[in-house]
Amino acid sequence: MIRLLIVDDHQLMRDGLVRLLSLEPEIELLGTACDGAEAVRMVAEHQPDLVLMDIRMPEKSGIQATREIKAQYPNVKVILLTMHDEDDYVFEGMGAGASGYLLKDSSRDELISSIHRVHAGQVEMTPSVTRKIVQEFATLHQGKREKPQTASPEELSRREMDVLNLVVKGCSNRQIAQQLYIDETTVKTHLHRIFEKLNVRDRTQAAILAMQKGWCQPSNTPAFTRQ
């Protein structure tokens, strides 16, 4: 059972999340908070497993609250759920200790699966946020990447390299499916195999490893060459 706290300053958003998540048999809702200060108090009182946290709130922002929660209760995981994916929010939020960064236009299935993955110890991000982190990594490590011995890791198939290339470019599963003319279930299968072969936990780790090794490059234009 995942013990969860919802934090958002908009009543409609809180109510919507409560209705949605209350239908999940493996999630126990402990309550809601309307700002960061109340969130910190409720975490101290209820000791949840996970907090769904808005960023822009009165009194204390979600990022400030996340920083305080992680300092006092490091085992409590936080997913930032917001309308904003600006660079400052992304890097400050993840630097505060959040384990996830999702946009509020994410689907119900995306939200539920992200909650389960973060609870299991993974890091979960909206694809556009993954792209920002990979691009930042590329900027910080420009000219320092390892010289690749091969154009791609030998353990990955050509199709898996196509998928990895599009992950680095920040594509969602749906966009990858459209680019490669396959269905989303097949994309998920490819991703699972990629994670296993590269010994990584999630798409962000896979993308950064691909950048570090020089296998793929971030770009605003997704590209692939093989079928």
Protein backbone atom coordinates (compact mmCIF):
# COMPACT_ATOMS: atom_id res chain seq x y z
CA MET A 1 0.00 0.00 0.00
CA ILE A 2 1.35 3.43 -0.99
CA ARG A 3 0.50 6.06 1.64
CA LEU A 4 0.11 9.33 -0.25
CA LEU A 5 -0.39 13.04 0.47
CA ILE A 6 -1.71 15.53 -2.13
CA VAL A 7 -0.52 19.16 -2.06
CA ASP A 8 -2.00 21.83 -4.34
CA ASP A 9 -3.35 25.32 -3.77
CA HIS A 10 -6.25 24.84 -6.21
CA GLN A 11 -9.33 23.16 -4.73
CA LEU A 12 -10.47 21.75 -8.09
CA MET A 13 -7.07 20.14 -8.67
CA ARG A 14 -7.03 18.61 -5.19
CA ASP A 15 -10.56 17.28 -5.59
CA GLY A 16 -9.79 15.84 -9.00
CA LEU A 17 -6.69 14.04 -7.76
CA VAL A 18 -8.58 12.68 -4.75
CA ARG A 19 -11.35 11.30 -6.98
CA LEU A 20 -8.83 9.77 -9.36
CA LEU A 21 -6.48 8.23 -6.81
CA SER A 22 -9.17 7.03 -4.41
CA LEU A 23 -10.11 4.44 -7.04
CA GLU A 24 -6.67 2.82 -6.85
CA PRO A 25 -6.67 -0.17 -4.47
CA GLU A 26 -2.92 0.08 -3.78
CA ILE A 27 -2.97 3.77 -2.82
CA GLU A 28 -4.07 5.06 0.59
CA LEU A 29 -4.85 8.79 0.61
CA LEU A 30 -3.79 10.38 3.88
CA GLY A 31 -5.17 13.84 3.13
CA THR A 32 -4.58 17.05 1.22
CA ALA A 33 -2.70 20.30 1.87
CA CYS A 34 -3.19 23.69 0.20
CA ASP A 35 0.35 25.09 0.50
CA GLY A 36 3.94 24.12 1.22
CA ALA A 37 3.86 25.04 4.90
CA GLU A 38 0.83 22.84 5.52
CA ALA A 39 2.51 20.06 3.52
CA VAL A 40 5.53 20.06 5.83
CA ARG A 41 3.26 19.90 8.89
CA MET A 42 1.19 17.05 7.45
CA VAL A 43 4.28 15.04 6.49
CA ALA A 44 5.48 15.35 10.09
CA GLU A 45 2.08 14.16 11.31
CA HIS A 46 1.33 11.34 8.86
CA GLN A 47 4.75 10.19 7.59
CA PRO A 48 3.53 9.36 4.05
CA ASP A 49 5.46 7.24 1.58
CA LEU A 50 4.98 9.75 -1.20
CA VAL A 51 3.85 13.35 -1.72
CA LEU A 52 2.29 14.75 -4.90
CA MET A 53 3.47 18.37 -4.72
CA ASP A 54 2.49 21.43 -6.73
CA ILE A 55 5.30 23.98 -7.25
CA ARG A 56 3.78 27.47 -7.25
CA MET A 57 1.85 27.95 -4.01
CA PRO A 58 1.40 30.75 -1.45
CA GLU A 59 3.37 30.97 1.82
CA LYS A 60 5.87 28.28 0.84
CA SER A 61 6.54 26.92 -2.63
CA GLY A 62 6.54 23.23 -3.44
CA ILE A 63 10.28 23.36 -4.01
CA GLN A 64 10.91 24.91 -0.58
CA ALA A 65 8.60 22.36 1.02
CA THR A 66 10.33 19.50 -0.82
CA ARG A 67 13.73 20.67 0.41
CA GLU A 68 12.50 20.79 4.03
CA ILE A 69 10.71 17.44 3.80
CA LYS A 70 13.74 15.66 2.33
CA ALA A 71 16.03 17.20 4.97
CA GLN A 72 13.83 15.96 7.84
CA TYR A 73 12.33 12.82 6.31
CA PRO A 74 14.70 11.52 3.60
CA ASN A 75 12.66 8.37 3.02
CA VAL A 76 9.58 10.35 1.97
CA LYS A 77 9.50 10.58 -1.83
CA VAL A 78 8.18 13.63 -3.65
CA ILE A 79 6.74 13.95 -7.14
CA LEU A 80 6.44 17.52 -8.36
CA LEU A 81 3.20 17.82 -10.34
CA THR A 82 3.01 21.16 -12.11
CA MET A 83 2.05 23.14 -15.20
CA HIS A 84 5.60 24.45 -15.57
CA ASP A 85 8.63 22.82 -17.21
CA GLU A 86 10.90 25.88 -17.33
CA ASP A 87 14.56 25.09 -16.76
CA ASP A 88 14.76 26.90 -13.41
CA TYR A 89 11.85 24.91 -11.98
CA VAL A 90 13.18 21.61 -13.31
CA PHE A 91 16.71 21.88 -11.96
CA GLU A 92 15.76 23.54 -8.68
CA GLY A 93 13.03 20.96 -8.08
CA MET A 94 15.25 17.97 -8.74
CA GLY A 95 18.04 19.60 -6.76
CA ALA A 96 15.67 19.91 -3.81
CA GLY A 97 15.38 16.13 -3.74
CA ALA A 98 12.25 15.37 -5.77
CA SER A 99 12.11 11.89 -7.28
CA GLY A 100 9.71 12.84 -10.05
CA TYR A 101 8.68 15.80 -12.19
CA LEU A 102 5.39 15.49 -14.07
CA LEU A 103 3.24 17.98 -15.91
CA LYS A 104 -0.42 18.32 -15.02
CA ASP A 105 -1.42 17.40 -18.57
CA SER A 106 -0.08 13.88 -17.99
CA SER A 107 -2.64 11.12 -18.47
CA ARG A 108 -4.21 9.15 -15.63
CA ASP A 109 -2.20 6.05 -16.58
CA GLU A 110 1.04 8.07 -16.69
CA LEU A 111 0.37 9.49 -13.22
CA ILE A 112 -0.52 6.13 -11.66
CA SER A 113 2.45 4.32 -13.18
CA SER A 114 4.77 7.16 -12.12
CA ILE A 115 3.56 6.92 -8.54
CA HIS A 116 4.31 3.19 -8.49
CA ARG A 117 7.74 3.59 -10.10
CA VAL A 118 8.82 6.39 -7.76
CA HIS A 119 7.59 4.39 -4.78
CA ALA A 120 9.75 1.51 -6.05
CA GLY A 121 12.82 3.75 -6.04
CA GLN A 122 12.95 4.99 -9.62
CA VAL A 123 13.15 8.56 -10.89
CA GLU A 124 10.23 9.58 -13.09
CA MET A 125 10.11 12.59 -15.41
CA THR A 126 7.97 13.94 -18.20
CA PRO A 127 9.86 13.39 -21.50
CA SER A 128 10.30 17.15 -22.05
CA VAL A 129 12.01 17.35 -18.66
CA THR A 130 14.26 14.41 -19.54
CA ARG A 131 15.31 16.32 -22.66
CA LYS A 132 16.22 19.40 -20.59
CA ILE A 133 18.36 17.33 -18.22
CA VAL A 134 20.13 15.58 -21.08
CA GLN A 135 20.80 18.90 -22.80
CA GLU A 136 22.17 20.34 -19.56
CA PHE A 137 24.38 17.28 -19.19
CA ALA A 138 25.64 17.77 -22.74
CA THR A 139 26.47 21.42 -22.03
CA LEU A 140 28.31 20.65 -18.80
CA HIS A 141 30.28 17.80 -20.36
CA GLN A 142 30.94 19.25 -23.79
CA GLY A 143 34.19 17.85 -25.07
CA LYS A 144 34.49 15.46 -22.13
CA ARG A 145 32.48 12.51 -23.44
CA GLU A 146 34.20 9.19 -23.68
CA LYS A 147 35.32 8.40 -27.19
CA PRO A 148 33.01 5.58 -28.30
CA GLN A 149 34.71 2.42 -29.48
CA THR A 150 31.66 1.62 -31.57
CA ALA A 151 28.79 3.70 -32.94
CA SER A 152 26.40 1.99 -30.54
CA PRO A 153 26.51 -0.55 -27.72
CA GLU A 154 26.83 -4.04 -29.17
CA GLU A 155 24.20 -5.46 -26.83
CA LEU A 156 21.42 -3.25 -28.28
CA SER A 157 19.60 -4.16 -31.48
CA ARG A 158 19.16 -1.62 -34.25
CA ARG A 159 15.54 -1.04 -33.29
CA GLU A 160 16.49 -0.59 -29.63
CA MET A 161 19.05 2.03 -30.71
CA ASP A 162 16.31 3.83 -32.65
CA VAL A 163 14.20 3.92 -29.48
CA LEU A 164 17.14 5.07 -27.34
CA ASN A 165 17.96 7.80 -29.85
CA LEU A 166 14.41 9.16 -29.59
CA VAL A 167 14.48 8.95 -25.78
CA VAL A 168 17.58 11.16 -25.81
CA LYS A 169 15.71 13.63 -28.00
CA GLY A 170 12.95 13.85 -25.38
CA CYS A 171 10.21 11.92 -27.17
CA SER A 172 7.34 10.36 -25.25
CA ASN A 173 6.33 6.75 -25.78
CA ARG A 174 3.52 7.90 -28.06
CA GLN A 175 5.88 10.04 -30.15
CA ILE A 176 8.38 7.17 -30.41
CA ALA A 177 5.58 4.87 -31.59
CA GLN A 178 4.54 7.39 -34.23
CA GLN A 179 8.11 7.95 -35.43
CA LEU A 180 8.90 4.24 -35.72
CA TYR A 181 5.43 3.10 -36.89
CA ILE A 182 4.97 0.71 -33.98
CA ASP A 183 2.49 0.62 -31.10
CA GLU A 184 3.14 1.95 -27.59
CA THR A 185 3.19 -1.55 -26.09
CA THR A 186 6.10 -2.43 -28.36
CA VAL A 187 7.86 0.79 -27.32
CA LYS A 188 7.50 -0.18 -23.66
CA THR A 189 8.92 -3.64 -24.43
CA HIS A 190 11.92 -2.10 -26.18
CA LEU A 191 12.49 0.29 -23.25
CA HIS A 192 12.36 -2.55 -20.74
CA ARG A 193 14.99 -4.47 -22.71
CA ILE A 194 17.16 -1.35 -23.08
CA PHE A 195 17.08 -0.73 -19.33
CA GLU A 196 18.03 -4.34 -18.62
CA LYS A 197 20.86 -4.43 -21.16
CA LEU A 198 22.34 -1.09 -20.07
CA ASN A 199 21.77 -1.84 -16.37
CA VAL A 200 19.84 1.40 -15.76
CA ARG A 201 16.58 2.01 -13.93
CA ASP A 202 14.77 4.54 -16.12
CA ARG A 203 14.78 6.55 -19.35
CA THR A 204 16.69 9.46 -17.82
CA GLN A 205 19.59 7.22 -16.77
CA ALA A 206 19.53 5.56 -20.19
CA ALA A 207 19.61 8.93 -21.97
CA ILE A 208 22.47 10.30 -19.88
CA LEU A 209 24.48 7.09 -20.35
CA ALA A 210 23.93 7.29 -24.12
CA MET A 211 25.13 10.89 -24.08
CA GLN A 212 28.12 10.08 -21.88
CA LYS A 213 29.21 7.27 -24.17
CA GLY A 214 28.67 9.33 -27.31
CA TRP A 215 26.08 6.93 -28.74
CA CYS A 216 23.37 9.59 -29.22
CA GLN A 217 23.10 13.35 -29.40
CA PRO A 218 20.21 15.55 -28.20
CA SER A 219 18.44 17.46 -30.92
CA ASN A 220 15.26 19.42 -31.45
CA THR A 221 14.52 17.19 -34.44
CA PRO A 222 14.05 13.48 -33.72
CA ALA A 223 15.88 11.32 -36.23
CA PHE A 224 16.49 7.67 -36.99
CA THR A 225 17.95 5.84 -39.89
CA ARG A 226 17.17 2.15 -39.54
CA GLN A 227 14.11 -0.02 -39.77
